[in-house]
Amino acid sequence: MSRAELMDDKRWFTSSYSNGTGNCVEVADLDGAVGLRDTKDREAGVVTVGVTQWRTFLAAAEELYRHQP
């Protein structure tokens, strides 16, 4: 995947829970991987993780959220 394809804004989205403060992470489906980038500095780079790792992270985050006091 070229840098231009990777940075294409049509691939990226933020959570519907984002509150507009700019402290958000964008996520993209990168054909077999998941990309993450900072909404405040999109050109700084992209972190990519495998789909399985991303799903594991989301499950752990959901579990932590459910057990908040």
C-alpha atoms as a PDB file:
ATOM      1  CA  MET A   1       0.000   0.000   0.000  1.00  0.00           C
ATOM      2  CA  SER A   2       1.428   3.375  -0.973  1.00  0.00           C
ATOM      3  CA  ARG A   3       1.733   6.268   1.468  1.00  0.00           C
ATOM      4  CA  ALA A   4      -0.927   8.157  -0.500  1.00  0.00           C
ATOM      5  CA  GLU A   5      -3.333   5.223  -0.160  1.00  0.00           C
ATOM      6  CA  LEU A   6      -2.507   4.865   3.533  1.00  0.00           C
ATOM      7  CA  MET A   7      -3.127   8.536   4.260  1.00  0.00           C
ATOM      8  CA  ASP A   8      -6.360   8.734   2.219  1.00  0.00           C
ATOM      9  CA  ASP A   9      -8.868  10.350   4.599  1.00  0.00           C
ATOM     10  CA  LYS A  10     -11.708   8.203   3.223  1.00  0.00           C
ATOM     11  CA  ARG A  11     -10.208   5.170   5.004  1.00  0.00           C
ATOM     12  CA  TRP A  12     -10.122   6.774   8.466  1.00  0.00           C
ATOM     13  CA  PHE A  13     -12.824   7.256  11.087  1.00  0.00           C
ATOM     14  CA  THR A  14     -13.158   8.302  14.714  1.00  0.00           C
ATOM     15  CA  SER A  15     -15.454   6.846  17.323  1.00  0.00           C
ATOM     16  CA  SER A  16     -18.986   8.161  17.602  1.00  0.00           C
ATOM     17  CA  TYR A  17     -18.081   8.695  21.279  1.00  0.00           C
ATOM     18  CA  SER A  18     -15.461  11.328  20.371  1.00  0.00           C
ATOM     19  CA  ASN A  19     -16.253  14.589  22.113  1.00  0.00           C
ATOM     20  CA  GLY A  20     -14.606  17.109  19.798  1.00  0.00           C
ATOM     21  CA  THR A  21     -11.690  18.027  22.095  1.00  0.00           C
ATOM     22  CA  GLY A  22      -9.153  16.741  19.593  1.00  0.00           C
ATOM     23  CA  ASN A  23      -7.887  14.022  21.935  1.00  0.00           C
ATOM     24  CA  CYS A  24      -8.900  11.257  19.580  1.00  0.00           C
ATOM     25  CA  VAL A  25      -7.409   8.413  17.648  1.00  0.00           C
ATOM     26  CA  GLU A  26      -8.489   7.611  14.115  1.00  0.00           C
ATOM     27  CA  VAL A  27      -8.797   4.027  12.932  1.00  0.00           C
ATOM     28  CA  ALA A  28      -8.627   2.598   9.404  1.00  0.00           C
ATOM     29  CA  ASP A  29      -9.260  -0.794   7.829  1.00  0.00           C
ATOM     30  CA  LEU A  30      -6.032  -1.458   5.941  1.00  0.00           C
ATOM     31  CA  ASP A  31      -6.865  -4.704   4.176  1.00  0.00           C
ATOM     32  CA  GLY A  32      -5.783  -7.274   6.751  1.00  0.00           C
ATOM     33  CA  ALA A  33      -4.474  -4.817   9.328  1.00  0.00           C
ATOM     34  CA  VAL A  34      -5.745  -1.895  11.360  1.00  0.00           C
ATOM     35  CA  GLY A  35      -4.155   1.548  11.253  1.00  0.00           C
ATOM     36  CA  LEU A  36      -4.149   4.040  14.123  1.00  0.00           C
ATOM     37  CA  ARG A  37      -3.181   7.706  13.985  1.00  0.00           C
ATOM     38  CA  ASP A  38      -3.499  10.854  16.088  1.00  0.00           C
ATOM     39  CA  THR A  39      -6.202  13.279  14.954  1.00  0.00           C
ATOM     40  CA  LYS A  40      -4.047  16.234  16.052  1.00  0.00           C
ATOM     41  CA  ASP A  41      -1.072  15.227  13.901  1.00  0.00           C
ATOM     42  CA  ARG A  42      -2.189  12.967  11.068  1.00  0.00           C
ATOM     43  CA  GLU A  43       1.100  13.346   9.205  1.00  0.00           C
ATOM     44  CA  ALA A  44       3.150  12.103  12.189  1.00  0.00           C
ATOM     45  CA  GLY A  45       2.695   8.523  11.129  1.00  0.00           C
ATOM     46  CA  VAL A  46       0.541   5.457  11.438  1.00  0.00           C
ATOM     47  CA  VAL A  47       0.758   2.541  13.837  1.00  0.00           C
ATOM     48  CA  THR A  48      -0.463  -0.705  12.301  1.00  0.00           C
ATOM     49  CA  VAL A  49      -1.568  -3.822  14.141  1.00  0.00           C
ATOM     50  CA  GLY A  50      -3.021  -7.107  12.996  1.00  0.00           C
ATOM     51  CA  VAL A  51      -6.777  -7.614  13.030  1.00  0.00           C
ATOM     52  CA  THR A  52      -6.511 -10.278  15.753  1.00  0.00           C
ATOM     53  CA  GLN A  53      -4.463  -7.965  17.983  1.00  0.00           C
ATOM     54  CA  TRP A  54      -6.952  -5.134  17.420  1.00  0.00           C
ATOM     55  CA  ARG A  55      -9.911  -7.340  18.359  1.00  0.00           C
ATOM     56  CA  THR A  56      -8.061  -8.515  21.479  1.00  0.00           C
ATOM     57  CA  PHE A  57      -7.392  -4.898  22.459  1.00  0.00           C
ATOM     58  CA  LEU A  58     -11.046  -3.927  21.958  1.00  0.00           C
ATOM     59  CA  ALA A  59     -12.257  -6.895  24.024  1.00  0.00           C
ATOM     60  CA  ALA A  60      -9.877  -5.966  26.855  1.00  0.00           C
ATOM     61  CA  ALA A  61     -10.972  -2.305  26.743  1.00  0.00           C
ATOM     62  CA  GLU A  62     -14.626  -3.347  26.868  1.00  0.00           C
ATOM     63  CA  GLU A  63     -13.937  -5.643  29.822  1.00  0.00           C
ATOM     64  CA  LEU A  64     -12.189  -2.833  31.720  1.00  0.00           C
ATOM     65  CA  TYR A  65     -15.051  -0.444  30.937  1.00  0.00           C
ATOM     66  CA  ARG A  66     -17.625  -2.905  32.305  1.00  0.00           C
ATOM     67  CA  HIS A  67     -15.743  -3.225  35.590  1.00  0.00           C
ATOM     68  CA  GLN A  68     -15.349   0.474  36.328  1.00  0.00           C
ATOM     69  CA  PRO A  69     -16.510   1.563  39.785  1.00  0.00           C
END
